[in-house]
Structure formats: structure tokens, C-alpha cells
Amino acid sequence: MESDDGLAFDIDALTATVIQEEMEYGGVRLKTAAYLERTRIPITIDIGFGEAMADATQRLDYPTLLDFPAPQVRSYPPATVIAEKFQAMVALGASTDA
């Protein structure tokens, strides 16, 4: 899949793996690659299901590498993300791969 920003995403290489099945809230890990010219860029996206988040999302400007306008993405506030990651580290111990 190509776009006008020079990136080509390898949709044929897209994989989805169930993660954290043994935990109360599981999810899916998506993996693929994008290419900028001949440079391969690995992409991993983790999607969690079922976990309630207290704070509302906010719109953030996503940084760009090229001279294009920054796209806006919806994200949880940094404090919420850090708290969730810390809770996962405590619950999972050394089994976290982050």
C-alpha cells in the first residue's frame, strides 16, 4: 500500500497474534513493515481490549520525519499511559517484553 509520503506498507506481510491470553485483558499484536526507498521500517502495534481507562483521549500532533504537516492522532494522556505500563510491569513481572 503506497501513499504520497514515500512510505510503502507491506500489507501482505501483516500478521496478527493474540497477546496476554492468560491475563484479564488480552489483546492483539499486529506486525508488518513499511519501506522508505530501500529502508525497511518494522512496525508493531499492540491493541488491548476490555481495560477501562479513566481519562479521556486527547489529540496530539504526531512527529514527522519528512517536511509534511504533522497528523493528529488520538492518544491517552502520558500520565495514563505511564500508569498503565507500570501496572502491567507489576502484574506481569519480568515477563514483559517492552
PDB file of N, CA and C in Angstrom:
ATOM      1  N   MET A   1       0.849  -1.167   0.000  1.00  0.00           N
ATOM      2  CA  MET A   1       0.000   0.000   0.000  1.00  0.00           C
ATOM      3  C   MET A   1       0.900   1.237   0.000  1.00  0.00           C
ATOM      4  N   GLU A   2       0.804   2.051  -1.026  1.00  0.00           N
ATOM      5  CA  GLU A   2       1.642   3.242  -1.126  1.00  0.00           C
ATOM      6  C   GLU A   2       0.818   4.490  -0.844  1.00  0.00           C
ATOM      7  N   SER A   3       1.507   5.523  -0.376  1.00  0.00           N
ATOM      8  CA  SER A   3       0.882   6.819  -0.153  1.00  0.00           C
ATOM      9  C   SER A   3       1.803   7.887  -0.731  1.00  0.00           C
ATOM     10  N   ASP A   4       1.366   9.132  -0.709  1.00  0.00           N
ATOM     11  CA  ASP A   4       2.183  10.182  -1.315  1.00  0.00           C
ATOM     12  C   ASP A   4       3.294  10.695  -0.399  1.00  0.00           C
ATOM     13  N   ASP A   5       3.512  10.052   0.753  1.00  0.00           N
ATOM     14  CA  ASP A   5       4.589  10.473   1.651  1.00  0.00           C
ATOM     15  C   ASP A   5       5.866   9.664   1.443  1.00  0.00           C
ATOM     16  N   GLY A   6       5.866   8.755   0.465  1.00  0.00           N
ATOM     17  CA  GLY A   6       7.055   7.971   0.181  1.00  0.00           C
ATOM     18  C   GLY A   6       7.103   6.624   0.872  1.00  0.00           C
ATOM     19  N   LEU A   7       6.208   6.382   1.826  1.00  0.00           N
ATOM     20  CA  LEU A   7       6.182   5.091   2.523  1.00  0.00           C
ATOM     21  C   LEU A   7       5.341   4.088   1.754  1.00  0.00           C
ATOM     22  N   ALA A   8       5.819   2.863   1.694  1.00  0.00           N
ATOM     23  CA  ALA A   8       5.063   1.757   1.105  1.00  0.00           C
ATOM     24  C   ALA A   8       4.907   0.697   2.194  1.00  0.00           C
ATOM     25  N   PHE A   9       3.662   0.387   2.562  1.00  0.00           N
ATOM     26  CA  PHE A   9       3.389  -0.588   3.612  1.00  0.00           C
ATOM     27  C   PHE A   9       3.216  -1.971   3.002  1.00  0.00           C
ATOM     28  N   ASP A  10       3.848  -2.964   3.606  1.00  0.00           N
ATOM     29  CA  ASP A  10       3.783  -4.343   3.124  1.00  0.00           C
ATOM     30  C   ASP A  10       2.585  -5.042   3.767  1.00  0.00           C
ATOM     31  N   ILE A  11       1.417  -4.861   3.177  1.00  0.00           N
ATOM     32  CA  ILE A  11       0.184  -5.438   3.714  1.00  0.00           C
ATOM     33  C   ILE A  11       0.221  -6.965   3.654  1.00  0.00           C
ATOM     34  N   ASP A  12       0.895  -7.537   2.656  1.00  0.00           N
ATOM     35  CA  ASP A  12       0.972  -8.998   2.540  1.00  0.00           C
ATOM     36  C   ASP A  12       1.738  -9.623   3.702  1.00  0.00           C
ATOM     37  N   ALA A  13       2.610  -8.856   4.351  1.00  0.00           N
ATOM     38  CA  ALA A  13       3.395  -9.374   5.478  1.00  0.00           C
ATOM     39  C   ALA A  13       2.701  -9.151   6.822  1.00  0.00           C
ATOM     40  N   LEU A  14       1.501  -8.561   6.822  1.00  0.00           N
ATOM     41  CA  LEU A  14       0.791  -8.262   8.067  1.00  0.00           C
ATOM     42  C   LEU A  14       0.422  -9.543   8.809  1.00  0.00           C
ATOM     43  N   THR A  15       0.797  -9.598  10.095  1.00  0.00           N
ATOM     44  CA  THR A  15       0.417 -10.726  10.948  1.00  0.00           C
ATOM     45  C   THR A  15      -0.305 -10.194  12.175  1.00  0.00           C
ATOM     46  N   ALA A  16      -1.191 -11.009  12.723  1.00  0.00           N
ATOM     47  CA  ALA A  16      -1.913 -10.678  13.955  1.00  0.00           C
ATOM     48  C   ALA A  16      -1.752 -11.845  14.915  1.00  0.00           C
ATOM     49  N   THR A  17      -1.315 -11.542  16.135  1.00  0.00           N
ATOM     50  CA  THR A  17      -1.083 -12.562  17.148  1.00  0.00           C
ATOM     51  C   THR A  17      -1.822 -12.177  18.422  1.00  0.00           C
ATOM     52  N   VAL A  18      -2.516 -13.135  19.027  1.00  0.00           N
ATOM     53  CA  VAL A  18      -3.173 -12.882  20.308  1.00  0.00           C
ATOM     54  C   VAL A  18      -2.095 -12.748  21.377  1.00  0.00           C
ATOM     55  N   ILE A  19      -2.204 -11.706  22.214  1.00  0.00           N
ATOM     56  CA  ILE A  19      -1.230 -11.490  23.285  1.00  0.00           C
ATOM     57  C   ILE A  19      -1.940 -11.446  24.631  1.00  0.00           C
ATOM     58  N   GLN A  20      -1.223 -11.858  25.657  1.00  0.00           N
ATOM     59  CA  GLN A  20      -1.699 -11.808  27.044  1.00  0.00           C
ATOM     60  C   GLN A  20      -3.016 -12.556  27.239  1.00  0.00           C
ATOM     61  N   GLU A  21      -3.151 -13.722  26.620  1.00  0.00           N
ATOM     62  CA  GLU A  21      -4.364 -14.522  26.766  1.00  0.00           C
ATOM     63  C   GLU A  21      -4.645 -14.885  28.214  1.00  0.00           C
ATOM     64  N   GLU A  22      -3.574 -15.098  28.989  1.00  0.00           N
ATOM     65  CA  GLU A  22      -3.737 -15.548  30.362  1.00  0.00           C
ATOM     66  C   GLU A  22      -4.147 -14.420  31.303  1.00  0.00           C
ATOM     67  N   MET A  23      -4.103 -13.182  30.842  1.00  0.00           N
ATOM     68  CA  MET A  23      -4.438 -12.035  31.676  1.00  0.00           C
ATOM     69  C   MET A  23      -5.923 -11.699  31.536  1.00  0.00           C
ATOM     70  N   GLU A  24      -6.406 -10.882  32.472  1.00  0.00           N
ATOM     71  CA  GLU A  24      -7.811 -10.472  32.455  1.00  0.00           C
ATOM     72  C   GLU A  24      -8.159  -9.734  31.167  1.00  0.00           C
ATOM     73  N   TYR A  25      -7.234  -8.887  30.711  1.00  0.00           N
ATOM     74  CA  TYR A  25      -7.459  -8.124  29.488  1.00  0.00           C
ATOM     75  C   TYR A  25      -6.414  -8.525  28.460  1.00  0.00           C
ATOM     76  N   GLY A  26      -6.862  -9.131  27.396  1.00  0.00           N
ATOM     77  CA  GLY A  26      -5.941  -9.558  26.353  1.00  0.00           C
ATOM     78  C   GLY A  26      -5.866  -8.535  25.246  1.00  0.00           C
ATOM     79  N   GLY A  27      -5.312  -8.967  24.135  1.00  0.00           N
ATOM     80  CA  GLY A  27      -5.195  -8.058  23.012  1.00  0.00           C
ATOM     81  C   GLY A  27      -4.652  -8.752  21.788  1.00  0.00           C
ATOM     82  N   VAL A  28      -4.296  -7.956  20.817  1.00  0.00           N
ATOM     83  CA  VAL A  28      -3.767  -8.442  19.552  1.00  0.00           C
ATOM     84  C   VAL A  28      -2.527  -7.618  19.209  1.00  0.00           C
ATOM     85  N   ARG A  29      -1.491  -8.287  18.722  1.00  0.00           N
ATOM     86  CA  ARG A  29      -0.277  -7.605  18.252  1.00  0.00           C
ATOM     87  C   ARG A  29      -0.235  -7.718  16.731  1.00  0.00           C
ATOM     88  N   LEU A  30      -0.214  -6.571  16.064  1.00  0.00           N
ATOM     89  CA  LEU A  30      -0.105  -6.518  14.613  1.00  0.00           C
ATOM     90  C   LEU A  30       1.335  -6.195  14.246  1.00  0.00           C
ATOM     91  N   LYS A  31       1.870  -6.928  13.271  1.00  0.00           N
ATOM     92  CA  LYS A  31       3.239  -6.677  12.806  1.00  0.00           C
ATOM     93  C   LYS A  31       3.254  -6.643  11.285  1.00  0.00           C
ATOM     94  N   THR A  32       4.012  -5.705  10.760  1.00  0.00           N
ATOM     95  CA  THR A  32       4.253  -5.613   9.329  1.00  0.00           C
ATOM     96  C   THR A  32       5.509  -4.769   9.124  1.00  0.00           C
ATOM     97  N   ALA A  33       5.711  -4.308   7.923  1.00  0.00           N
ATOM     98  CA  ALA A  33       6.858  -3.446   7.631  1.00  0.00           C
ATOM     99  C   ALA A  33       6.423  -2.374   6.649  1.00  0.00           C
ATOM    100  N   ALA A  34       7.126  -1.265   6.714  1.00  0.00           N
ATOM    101  CA  ALA A  34       6.966  -0.206   5.721  1.00  0.00           C
ATOM    102  C   ALA A  34       8.338   0.012   5.093  1.00  0.00           C
ATOM    103  N   TYR A  35       8.340   0.550   3.907  1.00  0.00           N
ATOM    104  CA  TYR A  35       9.597   0.814   3.205  1.00  0.00           C
ATOM    105  C   TYR A  35       9.639   2.271   2.778  1.00  0.00           C
ATOM    106  N   LEU A  36      10.767   2.903   3.038  1.00  0.00           N
ATOM    107  CA  LEU A  36      11.046   4.243   2.554  1.00  0.00           C
ATOM    108  C   LEU A  36      12.261   4.085   1.648  1.00  0.00           C
ATOM    109  N   GLU A  37      11.983   4.106   0.334  1.00  0.00           N
ATOM    110  CA  GLU A  37      13.011   3.733  -0.641  1.00  0.00           C
ATOM    111  C   GLU A  37      13.410   2.276  -0.373  1.00  0.00           C
ATOM    112  N   ARG A  38      14.681   2.014  -0.023  1.00  0.00           N
ATOM    113  CA  ARG A  38      15.125   0.644   0.257  1.00  0.00           C
ATOM    114  C   ARG A  38      15.227   0.360   1.748  1.00  0.00           C
ATOM    115  N   THR A  39      14.861   1.329   2.577  1.00  0.00           N
ATOM    116  CA  THR A  39      14.962   1.157   4.027  1.00  0.00           C
ATOM    117  C   THR A  39      13.711   0.485   4.564  1.00  0.00           C
ATOM    118  N   ARG A  40      13.906  -0.651   5.240  1.00  0.00           N
ATOM    119  CA  ARG A  40      12.791  -1.396   5.844  1.00  0.00           C
ATOM    120  C   ARG A  40      12.542  -0.852   7.242  1.00  0.00           C
ATOM    121  N   ILE A  41      11.283  -0.535   7.546  1.00  0.00           N
ATOM    122  CA  ILE A  41      10.898   0.005   8.847  1.00  0.00           C
ATOM    123  C   ILE A  41       9.914  -0.967   9.490  1.00  0.00           C
ATOM    124  N   PRO A  42      10.350  -1.727  10.525  1.00  0.00           N
ATOM    125  CA  PRO A  42       9.424  -2.647  11.189  1.00  0.00           C
ATOM    126  C   PRO A  42       8.343  -1.862  11.941  1.00  0.00           C
ATOM    127  N   ILE A  43       7.121  -2.363  11.882  1.00  0.00           N
ATOM    128  CA  ILE A  43       6.001  -1.721  12.567  1.00  0.00           C
ATOM    129  C   ILE A  43       5.310  -2.755  13.445  1.00  0.00           C
ATOM    130  N   THR A  44       5.139  -2.419  14.719  1.00  0.00           N
ATOM    131  CA  THR A  44       4.406  -3.257  15.663  1.00  0.00           C
ATOM    132  C   THR A  44       3.357  -2.397  16.342  1.00  0.00           C
ATOM    133  N   ILE A  45       2.117  -2.861  16.343  1.00  0.00           N
ATOM    134  CA  ILE A  45       1.019  -2.156  17.005  1.00  0.00           C
ATOM    135  C   ILE A  45       0.332  -3.142  17.938  1.00  0.00           C
ATOM    136  N   ASP A  46       0.270  -2.801  19.225  1.00  0.00           N
ATOM    137  CA  ASP A  46      -0.453  -3.614  20.200  1.00  0.00           C
ATOM    138  C   ASP A  46      -1.810  -2.977  20.457  1.00  0.00           C
ATOM    139  N   ILE A  47      -2.863  -3.796  20.387  1.00  0.00           N
ATOM    140  CA  ILE A  47      -4.223  -3.329  20.634  1.00  0.00           C
ATOM    141  C   ILE A  47      -4.767  -4.111  21.819  1.00  0.00           C
ATOM    142  N   GLY A  48      -5.162  -3.402  22.874  1.00  0.00           N
ATOM    143  CA  GLY A  48      -5.713  -4.043  24.065  1.00  0.00           C
ATOM    144  C   GLY A  48      -7.228  -3.938  24.071  1.00  0.00           C
ATOM    145  N   PHE A  49      -7.866  -4.917  24.702  1.00  0.00           N
ATOM    146  CA  PHE A  49      -9.328  -4.947  24.768  1.00  0.00           C
ATOM    147  C   PHE A  49      -9.801  -5.032  26.209  1.00  0.00           C
ATOM    148  N   GLY A  50     -10.891  -4.345  26.519  1.00  0.00           N
ATOM    149  CA  GLY A  50     -11.590  -4.544  27.777  1.00  0.00           C
ATOM    150  C   GLY A  50     -11.129  -3.729  28.960  1.00  0.00           C
ATOM    151  N   GLU A  51      -9.978  -3.099  28.887  1.00  0.00           N
ATOM    152  CA  GLU A  51      -9.479  -2.365  30.042  1.00  0.00           C
ATOM    153  C   GLU A  51     -10.049  -0.952  30.041  1.00  0.00           C
ATOM    154  N   ALA A  52     -10.658  -0.575  31.157  1.00  0.00           N
ATOM    155  CA  ALA A  52     -11.235   0.764  31.277  1.00  0.00           C
ATOM    156  C   ALA A  52     -10.130   1.777  31.553  1.00  0.00           C
ATOM    157  N   MET A  53     -10.162   2.875  30.853  1.00  0.00           N
ATOM    158  CA  MET A  53      -9.195   3.952  31.063  1.00  0.00           C
ATOM    159  C   MET A  53      -9.957   5.146  31.628  1.00  0.00           C
ATOM    160  N   ALA A  54      -9.431   5.724  32.702  1.00  0.00           N
ATOM    161  CA  ALA A  54     -10.137   6.782  33.419  1.00  0.00           C
ATOM    162  C   ALA A  54     -10.176   8.100  32.654  1.00  0.00           C
ATOM    163  N   ASP A  55      -9.082   8.494  32.045  1.00  0.00           N
ATOM    164  CA  ASP A  55      -9.009   9.800  31.395  1.00  0.00           C
ATOM    165  C   ASP A  55      -9.469   9.725  29.949  1.00  0.00           C
ATOM    166  N   ALA A  56     -10.026  10.818  29.484  1.00  0.00           N
ATOM    167  CA  ALA A  56     -10.445  10.884  28.087  1.00  0.00           C
ATOM    168  C   ALA A  56      -9.221  11.026  27.184  1.00  0.00           C
ATOM    169  N   THR A  57      -9.394  10.641  25.945  1.00  0.00           N
ATOM    170  CA  THR A  57      -8.291  10.784  24.994  1.00  0.00           C
ATOM    171  C   THR A  57      -8.121  12.249  24.610  1.00  0.00           C
ATOM    172  N   GLN A  58      -6.959  12.538  24.072  1.00  0.00           N
ATOM    173  CA  GLN A  58      -6.685  13.889  23.588  1.00  0.00           C
ATOM    174  C   GLN A  58      -6.053  13.786  22.209  1.00  0.00           C
ATOM    175  N   ARG A  59      -6.124  14.855  21.455  1.00  0.00           N
ATOM    176  CA  ARG A  59      -5.498  14.887  20.127  1.00  0.00           C
ATOM    177  C   ARG A  59      -4.068  15.386  20.270  1.00  0.00           C
ATOM    178  N   LEU A  60      -3.134  14.635  19.680  1.00  0.00           N
ATOM    179  CA  LEU A  60      -1.724  15.008  19.718  1.00  0.00           C
ATOM    180  C   LEU A  60      -1.185  15.094  18.297  1.00  0.00           C
ATOM    181  N   ASP A  61      -0.252  16.014  18.073  1.00  0.00           N
ATOM    182  CA  ASP A  61       0.444  16.071  16.789  1.00  0.00           C
ATOM    183  C   ASP A  61       1.507  14.985  16.781  1.00  0.00           C
ATOM    184  N   TYR A  62       1.449  14.098  15.788  1.00  0.00           N
ATOM    185  CA  TYR A  62       2.420  13.015  15.672  1.00  0.00           C
ATOM    186  C   TYR A  62       3.626  13.539  14.893  1.00  0.00           C
ATOM    187  N   PRO A  63       4.830  13.406  15.448  1.00  0.00           N
ATOM    188  CA  PRO A  63       6.004  13.963  14.760  1.00  0.00           C
ATOM    189  C   PRO A  63       6.262  13.281  13.418  1.00  0.00           C
ATOM    190  N   THR A  64       6.777  14.048  12.485  1.00  0.00           N
ATOM    191  CA  THR A  64       7.073  13.521  11.155  1.00  0.00           C
ATOM    192  C   THR A  64       8.573  13.574  10.888  1.00  0.00           C
ATOM    193  N   LEU A  65       9.030  12.693  10.016  1.00  0.00           N
ATOM    194  CA  LEU A  65      10.436  12.683   9.613  1.00  0.00           C
ATOM    195  C   LEU A  65      10.669  13.552   8.384  1.00  0.00           C
ATOM    196  N   LEU A  66       9.650  13.696   7.579  1.00  0.00           N
ATOM    197  CA  LEU A  66       9.769  14.476   6.352  1.00  0.00           C
ATOM    198  C   LEU A  66       9.060  15.811   6.533  1.00  0.00           C
ATOM    199  N   ASP A  67       9.181  16.670   5.571  1.00  0.00           N
ATOM    200  CA  ASP A  67       8.597  18.005   5.665  1.00  0.00           C
ATOM    201  C   ASP A  67       7.121  17.981   5.255  1.00  0.00           C
ATOM    202  N   PHE A  68       6.314  17.286   6.065  1.00  0.00           N
ATOM    203  CA  PHE A  68       4.875  17.219   5.868  1.00  0.00           C
ATOM    204  C   PHE A  68       4.200  17.725   7.131  1.00  0.00           C
ATOM    205  N   PRO A  69       2.957  18.194   7.034  1.00  0.00           N
ATOM    206  CA  PRO A  69       2.244  18.594   8.248  1.00  0.00           C
ATOM    207  C   PRO A  69       2.089  17.390   9.188  1.00  0.00           C
ATOM    208  N   ALA A  70       2.194  17.645  10.481  1.00  0.00           N
ATOM    209  CA  ALA A  70       2.065  16.567  11.471  1.00  0.00           C
ATOM    210  C   ALA A  70       0.612  16.100  11.531  1.00  0.00           C
ATOM    211  N   PRO A  71       0.369  14.792  11.367  1.00  0.00           N
ATOM    212  CA  PRO A  71      -1.002  14.293  11.508  1.00  0.00           C
ATOM    213  C   PRO A  71      -1.406  14.303  12.978  1.00  0.00           C
ATOM    214  N   GLN A  72      -2.691  14.453  13.227  1.00  0.00           N
ATOM    215  CA  GLN A  72      -3.186  14.384  14.596  1.00  0.00           C
ATOM    216  C   GLN A  72      -3.675  12.970  14.874  1.00  0.00           C
ATOM    217  N   VAL A  73      -3.303  12.455  16.037  1.00  0.00           N
ATOM    218  CA  VAL A  73      -3.754  11.139  16.476  1.00  0.00           C
ATOM    219  C   VAL A  73      -4.409  11.291  17.841  1.00  0.00           C
ATOM    220  N   ARG A  74      -5.339  10.384  18.138  1.00  0.00           N
ATOM    221  CA  ARG A  74      -5.964  10.388  19.458  1.00  0.00           C
ATOM    222  C   ARG A  74      -5.122   9.510  20.366  1.00  0.00           C
ATOM    223  N   SER A  75      -4.855  10.004  21.559  1.00  0.00           N
ATOM    224  CA  SER A  75      -3.993   9.291  22.493  1.00  0.00           C
ATOM    225  C   SER A  75      -4.461   9.559  23.915  1.00  0.00           C
ATOM    226  N   TYR A  76      -4.149   8.618  24.789  1.00  0.00           N
ATOM    227  CA  TYR A  76      -4.384   8.867  26.204  1.00  0.00           C
ATOM    228  C   TYR A  76      -3.297   9.798  26.713  1.00  0.00           C
ATOM    229  N   PRO A  77      -3.596  10.591  27.746  1.00  0.00           N
ATOM    230  CA  PRO A  77      -2.573  11.472  28.315  1.00  0.00           C
ATOM    231  C   PRO A  77      -1.365  10.660  28.782  1.00  0.00           C
ATOM    232  N   PRO A  78      -0.165  11.227  28.692  1.00  0.00           N
ATOM    233  CA  PRO A  78       1.045  10.495  29.095  1.00  0.00           C
ATOM    234  C   PRO A  78       0.963   9.890  30.493  1.00  0.00           C
ATOM    235  N   ALA A  79       0.380  10.590  31.456  1.00  0.00           N
ATOM    236  CA  ALA A  79       0.283  10.055  32.825  1.00  0.00           C
ATOM    237  C   ALA A  79      -0.529   8.762  32.855  1.00  0.00           C
ATOM    238  N   THR A  80      -1.584   8.688  32.056  1.00  0.00           N
ATOM    239  CA  THR A  80      -2.409   7.480  31.999  1.00  0.00           C
ATOM    240  C   THR A  80      -1.632   6.326  31.378  1.00  0.00           C
ATOM    241  N   VAL A  81      -0.900   6.595  30.305  1.00  0.00           N
ATOM    242  CA  VAL A  81      -0.115   5.555  29.636  1.00  0.00           C
ATOM    243  C   VAL A  81       0.971   5.027  30.570  1.00  0.00           C
ATOM    244  N   ILE A  82       1.669   5.926  31.261  1.00  0.00           N
ATOM    245  CA  ILE A  82       2.732   5.509  32.184  1.00  0.00           C
ATOM    246  C   ILE A  82       2.157   4.680  33.324  1.00  0.00           C
ATOM    247  N   ALA A  83       1.017   5.091  33.878  1.00  0.00           N
ATOM    248  CA  ALA A  83       0.391   4.336  34.970  1.00  0.00           C
ATOM    249  C   ALA A  83      -0.018   2.946  34.502  1.00  0.00           C
ATOM    250  N   GLU A  84      -0.564   2.830  33.295  1.00  0.00           N
ATOM    251  CA  GLU A  84      -0.975   1.533  32.759  1.00  0.00           C
ATOM    252  C   GLU A  84       0.232   0.636  32.551  1.00  0.00           C
ATOM    253  N   LYS A  85       1.319   1.190  32.029  1.00  0.00           N
ATOM    254  CA  LYS A  85       2.536   0.396  31.818  1.00  0.00           C
ATOM    255  C   LYS A  85       3.128  -0.067  33.147  1.00  0.00           C
ATOM    256  N   PHE A  86       3.126   0.807  34.148  1.00  0.00           N
ATOM    257  CA  PHE A  86       3.648   0.441  35.463  1.00  0.00           C
ATOM    258  C   PHE A  86       2.804  -0.680  36.073  1.00  0.00           C
ATOM    259  N   GLN A  87       1.481  -0.573  35.954  1.00  0.00           N
ATOM    260  CA  GLN A  87       0.591  -1.617  36.476  1.00  0.00           C
ATOM    261  C   GLN A  87       0.874  -2.938  35.785  1.00  0.00           C
ATOM    262  N   ALA A  88       1.113  -2.916  34.465  1.00  0.00           N
ATOM    263  CA  ALA A  88       1.416  -4.143  33.731  1.00  0.00           C
ATOM    264  C   ALA A  88       2.746  -4.734  34.186  1.00  0.00           C
ATOM    265  N   MET A  89       3.747  -3.891  34.450  1.00  0.00           N
ATOM    266  CA  MET A  89       5.046  -4.389  34.922  1.00  0.00           C
ATOM    267  C   MET A  89       4.895  -5.076  36.271  1.00  0.00           C
ATOM    268  N   VAL A  90       4.097  -4.503  37.149  1.00  0.00           N
ATOM    269  CA  VAL A  90       3.884  -5.101  38.468  1.00  0.00           C
ATOM    270  C   VAL A  90       3.130  -6.419  38.331  1.00  0.00           C
ATOM    271  N   ALA A  91       2.079  -6.432  37.502  1.00  0.00           N
ATOM    272  CA  ALA A  91       1.257  -7.637  37.347  1.00  0.00           C
ATOM    273  C   ALA A  91       2.009  -8.758  36.641  1.00  0.00           C
ATOM    274  N   LEU A  92       2.816  -8.416  35.637  1.00  0.00           N
ATOM    275  CA  LEU A  92       3.480  -9.433  34.824  1.00  0.00           C
ATOM    276  C   LEU A  92       4.907  -9.725  35.268  1.00  0.00           C
ATOM    277  N   GLY A  93       5.476  -8.862  36.062  1.00  0.00           N
ATOM    278  CA  GLY A  93       6.856  -9.064  36.495  1.00  0.00           C
ATOM    279  C   GLY A  93       7.799  -9.028  35.316  1.00  0.00           C
ATOM    280  N   ALA A  94       8.741  -9.928  35.295  1.00  0.00           N
ATOM    281  CA  ALA A  94       9.783  -9.945  34.264  1.00  0.00           C
ATOM    282  C   ALA A  94       9.283 -10.440  32.919  1.00  0.00           C
ATOM    283  N   SER A  95       8.031 -10.886  32.817  1.00  0.00           N
ATOM    284  CA  SER A  95       7.555 -11.425  31.542  1.00  0.00           C
ATOM    285  C   SER A  95       7.225 -10.339  30.531  1.00  0.00           C
ATOM    286  N   THR A  96       7.299  -9.056  30.916  1.00  0.00           N
ATOM    287  CA  THR A  96       7.032  -8.001  29.941  1.00  0.00           C
ATOM    288  C   THR A  96       8.175  -7.920  28.953  1.00  0.00           C
ATOM    289  N   ASP A  97       7.835  -7.683  27.702  1.00  0.00           N
ATOM    290  CA  ASP A  97       8.868  -7.605  26.669  1.00  0.00           C
ATOM    291  C   ASP A  97       9.034  -6.191  26.142  1.00  0.00           C
ATOM    292  N   ALA A  98       8.643  -5.215  26.914  1.00  0.00           N
ATOM    293  CA  ALA A  98       8.731  -3.826  26.450  1.00  0.00           C
ATOM    294  C   ALA A  98      10.015  -3.234  26.771  1.00  0.00           C
TER     295      ALA A  98
END
